[in-house]
């Protein structure tokens, strides 16, 4: 914990100065110069700081921009999507969730309950499987092939009798998702729960989230899923537009 705290202090110190040497960092930390040097080397290896033209001087690195960009995307998503989610919930009368990729799962970062919701089940912050949920499929389908195949290599867990666990069948489903622009889950994650999701694209054509509508299977039937799919897809398109995506550049495989 002490090393982590000292590393953060270095970043904050450099954040208030254009550049600084190891001696100055050591003085700020109150440690020996060799300790500050080791911390600076570790941060430099991660791209969080970098050496300037003047040997021995450091400044903040471009790696911080990458980290800040990830946080900014999440904040932009929440801000740009909220009104669209509220409108979609009112239009289809079902629960709306916005999910992003979190390693080998999808995680819900926003939720709006529709007027027909019969439960206050909270999906916020919940990690759900990629192969068994509509949001997960929408995210998985648009990953680069090596990443997609990596996630299909591990045994796929069965959650209900309708969960598809055969990788070949999942691949075929994902191809349909890319072609149609929507993903479906029919009692694959929870018995009695159906959902449809569409991808959200950012300015560079990368999928950054999935927008889904879910509800009980007795009301949100397979036929009803197909009926509201264009509406969900259009709502996801609105969020994509707000993030600066040009729809004509949507990648297709």
C-alpha atoms as a PDB file:
ATOM      1  CA  UNK A   1       0.000   0.000   0.000  1.00  0.00           C
ATOM      2  CA  UNK A   2       2.894   2.361   0.766  1.00  0.00           C
ATOM      3  CA  UNK A   3       4.344   1.912  -2.729  1.00  0.00           C
ATOM      4  CA  UNK A   4       0.956   2.543  -4.335  1.00  0.00           C
ATOM      5  CA  UNK A   5       0.473   5.668  -2.232  1.00  0.00           C
ATOM      6  CA  UNK A   6       3.926   6.955  -3.164  1.00  0.00           C
ATOM      7  CA  UNK A   7       3.272   6.313  -6.858  1.00  0.00           C
ATOM      8  CA  UNK A   8       0.065   8.340  -6.651  1.00  0.00           C
ATOM      9  CA  UNK A   9       1.921  11.150  -4.918  1.00  0.00           C
ATOM     10  CA  UNK A  10       4.428  11.221  -7.794  1.00  0.00           C
ATOM     11  CA  UNK A  11       1.624  11.455 -10.349  1.00  0.00           C
ATOM     12  CA  UNK A  12      -0.068  14.250  -8.413  1.00  0.00           C
ATOM     13  CA  UNK A  13       3.275  16.025  -7.971  1.00  0.00           C
ATOM     14  CA  UNK A  14       3.974  15.911 -11.707  1.00  0.00           C
ATOM     15  CA  UNK A  15       0.420  16.984 -12.353  1.00  0.00           C
ATOM     16  CA  UNK A  16       1.178  20.314 -10.698  1.00  0.00           C
ATOM     17  CA  UNK A  17       4.528  20.780 -12.471  1.00  0.00           C
ATOM     18  CA  UNK A  18       5.644  20.520 -16.066  1.00  0.00           C
ATOM     19  CA  UNK A  19       8.481  18.225 -15.139  1.00  0.00           C
ATOM     20  CA  UNK A  20      10.614  17.119 -12.204  1.00  0.00           C
ATOM     21  CA  UNK A  21      13.716  15.084 -11.515  1.00  0.00           C
ATOM     22  CA  UNK A  22      14.190  12.100  -9.244  1.00  0.00           C
ATOM     23  CA  UNK A  23      15.805  14.279  -6.586  1.00  0.00           C
ATOM     24  CA  UNK A  24      12.742  16.531  -6.468  1.00  0.00           C
ATOM     25  CA  UNK A  25      10.389  13.541  -6.337  1.00  0.00           C
ATOM     26  CA  UNK A  26      12.414  12.013  -3.525  1.00  0.00           C
ATOM     27  CA  UNK A  27      12.176  15.252  -1.573  1.00  0.00           C
ATOM     28  CA  UNK A  28       8.406  15.406  -2.109  1.00  0.00           C
ATOM     29  CA  UNK A  29       8.037  11.809  -0.903  1.00  0.00           C
ATOM     30  CA  UNK A  30      10.547  12.142   1.888  1.00  0.00           C
ATOM     31  CA  UNK A  31      12.413   9.031   0.729  1.00  0.00           C
ATOM     32  CA  UNK A  32      15.891   8.150  -0.515  1.00  0.00           C
ATOM     33  CA  UNK A  33      16.641   9.017  -4.142  1.00  0.00           C
ATOM     34  CA  UNK A  34      17.025   5.327  -5.045  1.00  0.00           C
ATOM     35  CA  UNK A  35      13.472   4.615  -3.841  1.00  0.00           C
ATOM     36  CA  UNK A  36      12.062   7.457  -5.922  1.00  0.00           C
ATOM     37  CA  UNK A  37      14.053   6.216  -8.908  1.00  0.00           C
ATOM     38  CA  UNK A  38      12.569   2.722  -8.645  1.00  0.00           C
ATOM     39  CA  UNK A  39       9.047   4.141  -8.442  1.00  0.00           C
ATOM     40  CA  UNK A  40       9.697   6.405 -11.425  1.00  0.00           C
ATOM     41  CA  UNK A  41      11.001   3.462 -13.450  1.00  0.00           C
ATOM     42  CA  UNK A  42       7.909   1.395 -12.662  1.00  0.00           C
ATOM     43  CA  UNK A  43       5.582   4.230 -13.656  1.00  0.00           C
ATOM     44  CA  UNK A  44       7.588   4.832 -16.825  1.00  0.00           C
ATOM     45  CA  UNK A  45       7.296   1.160 -17.824  1.00  0.00           C
ATOM     46  CA  UNK A  46       3.513   1.528 -17.633  1.00  0.00           C
ATOM     47  CA  UNK A  47       3.558   4.707 -19.701  1.00  0.00           C
ATOM     48  CA  UNK A  48       2.166   6.779 -16.836  1.00  0.00           C
ATOM     49  CA  UNK A  49       5.206   9.050 -16.810  1.00  0.00           C
ATOM     50  CA  UNK A  50       7.932   9.615 -19.386  1.00  0.00           C
ATOM     51  CA  UNK A  51      11.387  11.141 -19.545  1.00  0.00           C
ATOM     52  CA  UNK A  52      11.791  14.517 -21.189  1.00  0.00           C
ATOM     53  CA  UNK A  53      14.577  15.486 -23.542  1.00  0.00           C
ATOM     54  CA  UNK A  54      16.557  16.579 -20.507  1.00  0.00           C
ATOM     55  CA  UNK A  55      17.888  13.339 -19.023  1.00  0.00           C
ATOM     56  CA  UNK A  56      16.652  12.624 -15.517  1.00  0.00           C
ATOM     57  CA  UNK A  57      13.553  14.795 -15.825  1.00  0.00           C
ATOM     58  CA  UNK A  58      10.072  13.261 -15.931  1.00  0.00           C
ATOM     59  CA  UNK A  59       6.622  14.430 -16.938  1.00  0.00           C
ATOM     60  CA  UNK A  60       3.186  12.805 -17.073  1.00  0.00           C
ATOM     61  CA  UNK A  61       2.923  10.186 -19.815  1.00  0.00           C
ATOM     62  CA  UNK A  62       0.387   9.381 -22.493  1.00  0.00           C
ATOM     63  CA  UNK A  63      -0.713   6.306 -20.567  1.00  0.00           C
ATOM     64  CA  UNK A  64      -2.746   8.597 -18.341  1.00  0.00           C
ATOM     65  CA  UNK A  65      -4.693   9.785 -21.367  1.00  0.00           C
ATOM     66  CA  UNK A  66      -5.665   6.183 -22.087  1.00  0.00           C
ATOM     67  CA  UNK A  67      -6.917   5.707 -18.535  1.00  0.00           C
ATOM     68  CA  UNK A  68      -8.703   9.045 -18.500  1.00  0.00           C
ATOM     69  CA  UNK A  69     -10.272   8.217 -21.850  1.00  0.00           C
ATOM     70  CA  UNK A  70     -11.780   5.023 -20.462  1.00  0.00           C
ATOM     71  CA  UNK A  71     -13.338   6.933 -17.583  1.00  0.00           C
ATOM     72  CA  UNK A  72     -14.548   9.663 -19.923  1.00  0.00           C
ATOM     73  CA  UNK A  73     -16.282   7.137 -22.177  1.00  0.00           C
ATOM     74  CA  UNK A  74     -18.161   5.723 -19.199  1.00  0.00           C
ATOM     75  CA  UNK A  75     -19.191   9.175 -18.016  1.00  0.00           C
ATOM     76  CA  UNK A  76     -20.233  10.155 -21.539  1.00  0.00           C
ATOM     77  CA  UNK A  77     -22.269   6.984 -21.848  1.00  0.00           C
ATOM     78  CA  UNK A  78     -24.170   7.631 -18.640  1.00  0.00           C
ATOM     79  CA  UNK A  79     -24.757  11.261 -19.492  1.00  0.00           C
ATOM     80  CA  UNK A  80     -25.644  10.805 -23.160  1.00  0.00           C
ATOM     81  CA  UNK A  81     -27.799   7.719 -22.735  1.00  0.00           C
ATOM     82  CA  UNK A  82     -30.001   8.526 -19.744  1.00  0.00           C
ATOM     83  CA  UNK A  83     -32.714  10.448 -21.583  1.00  0.00           C
ATOM     84  CA  UNK A  84     -32.772   7.889 -24.396  1.00  0.00           C
ATOM     85  CA  UNK A  85     -33.138   5.062 -21.867  1.00  0.00           C
ATOM     86  CA  UNK A  86     -36.043   6.849 -20.180  1.00  0.00           C
ATOM     87  CA  UNK A  87     -37.798   7.379 -23.517  1.00  0.00           C
ATOM     88  CA  UNK A  88     -37.247   3.761 -24.533  1.00  0.00           C
ATOM     89  CA  UNK A  89     -38.574   2.460 -21.205  1.00  0.00           C
ATOM     90  CA  UNK A  90     -41.742   4.502 -21.674  1.00  0.00           C
ATOM     91  CA  UNK A  91     -42.112   3.389 -25.287  1.00  0.00           C
ATOM     92  CA  UNK A  92     -41.697  -0.374 -24.832  1.00  0.00           C
ATOM     93  CA  UNK A  93     -42.908  -0.481 -21.201  1.00  0.00           C
ATOM     94  CA  UNK A  94     -40.060  -2.761 -20.124  1.00  0.00           C
ATOM     95  CA  UNK A  95     -36.871  -2.492 -18.079  1.00  0.00           C
ATOM     96  CA  UNK A  96     -33.982  -0.862 -19.939  1.00  0.00           C
ATOM     97  CA  UNK A  97     -30.343  -1.543 -19.128  1.00  0.00           C
ATOM     98  CA  UNK A  98     -27.084  -0.154 -20.476  1.00  0.00           C
ATOM     99  CA  UNK A  99     -24.144  -2.555 -20.193  1.00  0.00           C
ATOM    100  CA  UNK A 100     -20.441  -2.418 -20.983  1.00  0.00           C
ATOM    101  CA  UNK A 101     -17.794  -5.086 -21.344  1.00  0.00           C
ATOM    102  CA  UNK A 102     -16.020  -6.014 -18.114  1.00  0.00           C
ATOM    103  CA  UNK A 103     -13.424  -8.657 -18.912  1.00  0.00           C
ATOM    104  CA  UNK A 104     -15.280 -11.903 -19.548  1.00  0.00           C
ATOM    105  CA  UNK A 105     -18.689 -10.500 -18.600  1.00  0.00           C
ATOM    106  CA  UNK A 106     -21.081  -7.630 -19.220  1.00  0.00           C
ATOM    107  CA  UNK A 107     -21.760  -5.182 -16.402  1.00  0.00           C
ATOM    108  CA  UNK A 108     -24.834  -2.968 -16.198  1.00  0.00           C
ATOM    109  CA  UNK A 109     -24.035   0.702 -15.593  1.00  0.00           C
ATOM    110  CA  UNK A 110     -27.537   2.201 -15.920  1.00  0.00           C
ATOM    111  CA  UNK A 111     -31.120   1.006 -15.549  1.00  0.00           C
ATOM    112  CA  UNK A 112     -34.563   2.506 -16.118  1.00  0.00           C
ATOM    113  CA  UNK A 113     -37.733   0.669 -15.121  1.00  0.00           C
ATOM    114  CA  UNK A 114     -40.637   0.694 -17.542  1.00  0.00           C
ATOM    115  CA  UNK A 115     -44.252   1.308 -16.447  1.00  0.00           C
ATOM    116  CA  UNK A 116     -45.057  -2.406 -16.770  1.00  0.00           C
ATOM    117  CA  UNK A 117     -42.210  -3.556 -14.531  1.00  0.00           C
ATOM    118  CA  UNK A 118     -43.491  -5.990 -11.936  1.00  0.00           C
ATOM    119  CA  UNK A 119     -40.259  -6.110  -9.970  1.00  0.00           C
ATOM    120  CA  UNK A 120     -37.710  -3.663  -8.643  1.00  0.00           C
ATOM    121  CA  UNK A 121     -34.870  -6.135  -9.249  1.00  0.00           C
ATOM    122  CA  UNK A 122     -31.716  -4.062  -9.472  1.00  0.00           C
ATOM    123  CA  UNK A 123     -29.310  -5.031 -12.277  1.00  0.00           C
ATOM    124  CA  UNK A 124     -26.976  -2.088 -11.679  1.00  0.00           C
ATOM    125  CA  UNK A 125     -23.406  -3.204 -11.169  1.00  0.00           C
ATOM    126  CA  UNK A 126     -24.301  -6.832 -11.811  1.00  0.00           C
ATOM    127  CA  UNK A 127     -21.937  -8.833 -14.015  1.00  0.00           C
ATOM    128  CA  UNK A 128     -23.730 -11.148 -16.445  1.00  0.00           C
ATOM    129  CA  UNK A 129     -22.387 -13.808 -18.850  1.00  0.00           C
ATOM    130  CA  UNK A 130     -21.615 -12.819 -22.417  1.00  0.00           C
ATOM    131  CA  UNK A 131     -22.968 -15.964 -24.078  1.00  0.00           C
ATOM    132  CA  UNK A 132     -26.299 -16.130 -22.222  1.00  0.00           C
ATOM    133  CA  UNK A 133     -27.595 -12.550 -22.215  1.00  0.00           C
ATOM    134  CA  UNK A 134     -28.698 -10.221 -24.985  1.00  0.00           C
ATOM    135  CA  UNK A 135     -26.321  -7.448 -23.890  1.00  0.00           C
ATOM    136  CA  UNK A 136     -23.474  -9.921 -23.563  1.00  0.00           C
ATOM    137  CA  UNK A 137     -24.062 -11.270 -27.057  1.00  0.00           C
ATOM    138  CA  UNK A 138     -24.226  -7.769 -28.538  1.00  0.00           C
ATOM    139  CA  UNK A 139     -20.856  -6.959 -26.962  1.00  0.00           C
ATOM    140  CA  UNK A 140     -19.280 -10.318 -27.740  1.00  0.00           C
ATOM    141  CA  UNK A 141     -20.391 -10.271 -31.374  1.00  0.00           C
ATOM    142  CA  UNK A 142     -18.486  -7.072 -32.099  1.00  0.00           C
ATOM    143  CA  UNK A 143     -15.202  -7.922 -30.435  1.00  0.00           C
ATOM    144  CA  UNK A 144     -12.200  -8.486 -32.707  1.00  0.00           C
ATOM    145  CA  UNK A 145     -12.154 -12.150 -33.686  1.00  0.00           C
ATOM    146  CA  UNK A 146      -9.127 -13.140 -31.542  1.00  0.00           C
ATOM    147  CA  UNK A 147     -10.748 -11.648 -28.436  1.00  0.00           C
ATOM    148  CA  UNK A 148     -14.090 -13.219 -29.272  1.00  0.00           C
ATOM    149  CA  UNK A 149     -12.550 -16.632 -29.798  1.00  0.00           C
ATOM    150  CA  UNK A 150     -10.604 -16.300 -26.564  1.00  0.00           C
ATOM    151  CA  UNK A 151     -13.827 -15.873 -24.620  1.00  0.00           C
ATOM    152  CA  UNK A 152     -15.422 -18.838 -26.400  1.00  0.00           C
ATOM    153  CA  UNK A 153     -12.459 -21.105 -25.681  1.00  0.00           C
ATOM    154  CA  UNK A 154     -13.332 -21.603 -22.007  1.00  0.00           C
ATOM    155  CA  UNK A 155     -16.242 -23.934 -21.122  1.00  0.00           C
ATOM    156  CA  UNK A 156     -19.519 -22.013 -21.366  1.00  0.00           C
ATOM    157  CA  UNK A 157     -21.651 -22.271 -18.246  1.00  0.00           C
ATOM    158  CA  UNK A 158     -25.256 -23.465 -18.431  1.00  0.00           C
ATOM    159  CA  UNK A 159     -27.725 -21.326 -16.475  1.00  0.00           C
ATOM    160  CA  UNK A 160     -31.055 -22.707 -17.685  1.00  0.00           C
ATOM    161  CA  UNK A 161     -32.154 -25.574 -19.957  1.00  0.00           C
ATOM    162  CA  UNK A 162     -32.167 -23.058 -22.828  1.00  0.00           C
ATOM    163  CA  UNK A 163     -28.607 -21.761 -22.372  1.00  0.00           C
ATOM    164  CA  UNK A 164     -26.519 -22.380 -25.483  1.00  0.00           C
ATOM    165  CA  UNK A 165     -23.138 -23.773 -24.461  1.00  0.00           C
ATOM    166  CA  UNK A 166     -21.837 -25.158 -27.762  1.00  0.00           C
ATOM    167  CA  UNK A 167     -19.216 -22.690 -29.106  1.00  0.00           C
ATOM    168  CA  UNK A 168     -20.096 -23.433 -32.716  1.00  0.00           C
ATOM    169  CA  UNK A 169     -23.761 -22.629 -32.147  1.00  0.00           C
ATOM    170  CA  UNK A 170     -22.835 -19.465 -30.258  1.00  0.00           C
ATOM    171  CA  UNK A 171     -20.622 -18.376 -33.179  1.00  0.00           C
ATOM    172  CA  UNK A 172     -23.555 -18.789 -35.559  1.00  0.00           C
ATOM    173  CA  UNK A 173     -25.758 -16.731 -33.229  1.00  0.00           C
ATOM    174  CA  UNK A 174     -23.140 -13.990 -33.061  1.00  0.00           C
ATOM    175  CA  UNK A 175     -22.942 -13.837 -36.854  1.00  0.00           C
ATOM    176  CA  UNK A 176     -26.712 -13.255 -36.864  1.00  0.00           C
ATOM    177  CA  UNK A 177     -26.289 -10.518 -34.267  1.00  0.00           C
ATOM    178  CA  UNK A 178     -23.818  -8.690 -36.498  1.00  0.00           C
ATOM    179  CA  UNK A 179     -26.048  -9.098 -39.533  1.00  0.00           C
ATOM    180  CA  UNK A 180     -29.303  -8.070 -37.825  1.00  0.00           C
ATOM    181  CA  UNK A 181     -27.937  -5.506 -35.403  1.00  0.00           C
ATOM    182  CA  UNK A 182     -29.763  -7.066 -32.456  1.00  0.00           C
ATOM    183  CA  UNK A 183     -29.166  -9.875 -29.987  1.00  0.00           C
ATOM    184  CA  UNK A 184     -31.780 -11.962 -28.180  1.00  0.00           C
ATOM    185  CA  UNK A 185     -31.900 -13.980 -24.995  1.00  0.00           C
ATOM    186  CA  UNK A 186     -34.913 -16.225 -24.536  1.00  0.00           C
ATOM    187  CA  UNK A 187     -34.796 -17.664 -21.016  1.00  0.00           C
ATOM    188  CA  UNK A 188     -31.085 -18.376 -21.480  1.00  0.00           C
ATOM    189  CA  UNK A 189     -29.868 -16.647 -18.327  1.00  0.00           C
ATOM    190  CA  UNK A 190     -32.942 -16.846 -16.097  1.00  0.00           C
ATOM    191  CA  UNK A 191     -36.047 -18.925 -16.628  1.00  0.00           C
ATOM    192  CA  UNK A 192     -38.956 -16.608 -17.340  1.00  0.00           C
ATOM    193  CA  UNK A 193     -36.790 -13.691 -18.490  1.00  0.00           C
ATOM    194  CA  UNK A 194     -36.438 -12.553 -22.108  1.00  0.00           C
ATOM    195  CA  UNK A 195     -34.440  -9.661 -23.556  1.00  0.00           C
ATOM    196  CA  UNK A 196     -33.280  -7.963 -26.733  1.00  0.00           C
ATOM    197  CA  UNK A 197     -30.209  -5.742 -27.064  1.00  0.00           C
ATOM    198  CA  UNK A 198     -28.466  -3.583 -29.648  1.00  0.00           C
ATOM    199  CA  UNK A 199     -24.859  -2.333 -29.743  1.00  0.00           C
ATOM    200  CA  UNK A 200     -23.831   1.253 -29.060  1.00  0.00           C
ATOM    201  CA  UNK A 201     -20.963   2.544 -31.197  1.00  0.00           C
ATOM    202  CA  UNK A 202     -18.497   5.297 -30.427  1.00  0.00           C
ATOM    203  CA  UNK A 203     -16.887   7.762 -32.822  1.00  0.00           C
ATOM    204  CA  UNK A 204     -14.263   5.296 -34.080  1.00  0.00           C
ATOM    205  CA  UNK A 205     -16.827   2.596 -34.898  1.00  0.00           C
ATOM    206  CA  UNK A 206     -16.005   0.528 -31.813  1.00  0.00           C
ATOM    207  CA  UNK A 207     -18.832  -0.970 -29.770  1.00  0.00           C
ATOM    208  CA  UNK A 208     -18.661   0.509 -26.269  1.00  0.00           C
ATOM    209  CA  UNK A 209     -21.969  -0.639 -24.793  1.00  0.00           C
ATOM    210  CA  UNK A 210     -25.167  -2.581 -25.334  1.00  0.00           C
ATOM    211  CA  UNK A 211     -28.676  -1.231 -24.783  1.00  0.00           C
ATOM    212  CA  UNK A 212     -31.258  -3.831 -23.779  1.00  0.00           C
ATOM    213  CA  UNK A 213     -34.943  -4.181 -23.011  1.00  0.00           C
ATOM    214  CA  UNK A 214     -35.921  -7.077 -20.762  1.00  0.00           C
ATOM    215  CA  UNK A 215     -39.072  -8.422 -19.184  1.00  0.00           C
ATOM    216  CA  UNK A 216     -40.999 -11.524 -18.151  1.00  0.00           C
ATOM    217  CA  UNK A 217     -41.433 -14.110 -20.880  1.00  0.00           C
ATOM    218  CA  UNK A 218     -45.219 -14.200 -20.468  1.00  0.00           C
ATOM    219  CA  UNK A 219     -45.356 -10.577 -21.621  1.00  0.00           C
ATOM    220  CA  UNK A 220     -42.145 -10.117 -23.567  1.00  0.00           C
ATOM    221  CA  UNK A 221     -42.706 -13.125 -25.805  1.00  0.00           C
ATOM    222  CA  UNK A 222     -40.418 -14.108 -28.678  1.00  0.00           C
ATOM    223  CA  UNK A 223     -42.840 -12.411 -31.060  1.00  0.00           C
ATOM    224  CA  UNK A 224     -42.862  -9.261 -28.934  1.00  0.00           C
ATOM    225  CA  UNK A 225     -39.046  -9.301 -28.828  1.00  0.00           C
ATOM    226  CA  UNK A 226     -38.981  -9.161 -32.618  1.00  0.00           C
ATOM    227  CA  UNK A 227     -41.523  -6.337 -32.625  1.00  0.00           C
ATOM    228  CA  UNK A 228     -39.541  -4.074 -30.298  1.00  0.00           C
ATOM    229  CA  UNK A 229     -36.113  -4.967 -31.712  1.00  0.00           C
ATOM    230  CA  UNK A 230     -36.160  -2.101 -34.281  1.00  0.00           C
ATOM    231  CA  UNK A 231     -37.118   0.331 -31.517  1.00  0.00           C
ATOM    232  CA  UNK A 232     -34.237  -0.819 -29.295  1.00  0.00           C
ATOM    233  CA  UNK A 233     -31.869  -0.674 -32.264  1.00  0.00           C
ATOM    234  CA  UNK A 234     -32.994   2.875 -33.091  1.00  0.00           C
ATOM    235  CA  UNK A 235     -32.496   3.965 -29.467  1.00  0.00           C
ATOM    236  CA  UNK A 236     -28.991   2.501 -29.452  1.00  0.00           C
ATOM    237  CA  UNK A 237     -28.395   4.428 -32.668  1.00  0.00           C
ATOM    238  CA  UNK A 238     -29.421   7.664 -30.968  1.00  0.00           C
ATOM    239  CA  UNK A 239     -26.874   7.097 -28.217  1.00  0.00           C
ATOM    240  CA  UNK A 240     -24.257   6.251 -30.840  1.00  0.00           C
ATOM    241  CA  UNK A 241     -25.058   9.504 -32.629  1.00  0.00           C
ATOM    242  CA  UNK A 242     -24.569  11.434 -29.396  1.00  0.00           C
ATOM    243  CA  UNK A 243     -21.170   9.798 -28.984  1.00  0.00           C
ATOM    244  CA  UNK A 244     -20.179  11.020 -32.446  1.00  0.00           C
ATOM    245  CA  UNK A 245     -20.542   7.758 -34.374  1.00  0.00           C
ATOM    246  CA  UNK A 246     -21.126   7.934 -38.114  1.00  0.00           C
ATOM    247  CA  UNK A 247     -23.553   5.112 -38.818  1.00  0.00           C
ATOM    248  CA  UNK A 248     -22.271   4.463 -42.297  1.00  0.00           C
ATOM    249  CA  UNK A 249     -18.980   3.329 -40.757  1.00  0.00           C
ATOM    250  CA  UNK A 250     -20.512   0.539 -38.670  1.00  0.00           C
ATOM    251  CA  UNK A 251     -18.214  -2.455 -39.156  1.00  0.00           C
ATOM    252  CA  UNK A 252     -19.729  -5.598 -40.623  1.00  0.00           C
ATOM    253  CA  UNK A 253     -18.168  -9.033 -40.911  1.00  0.00           C
END
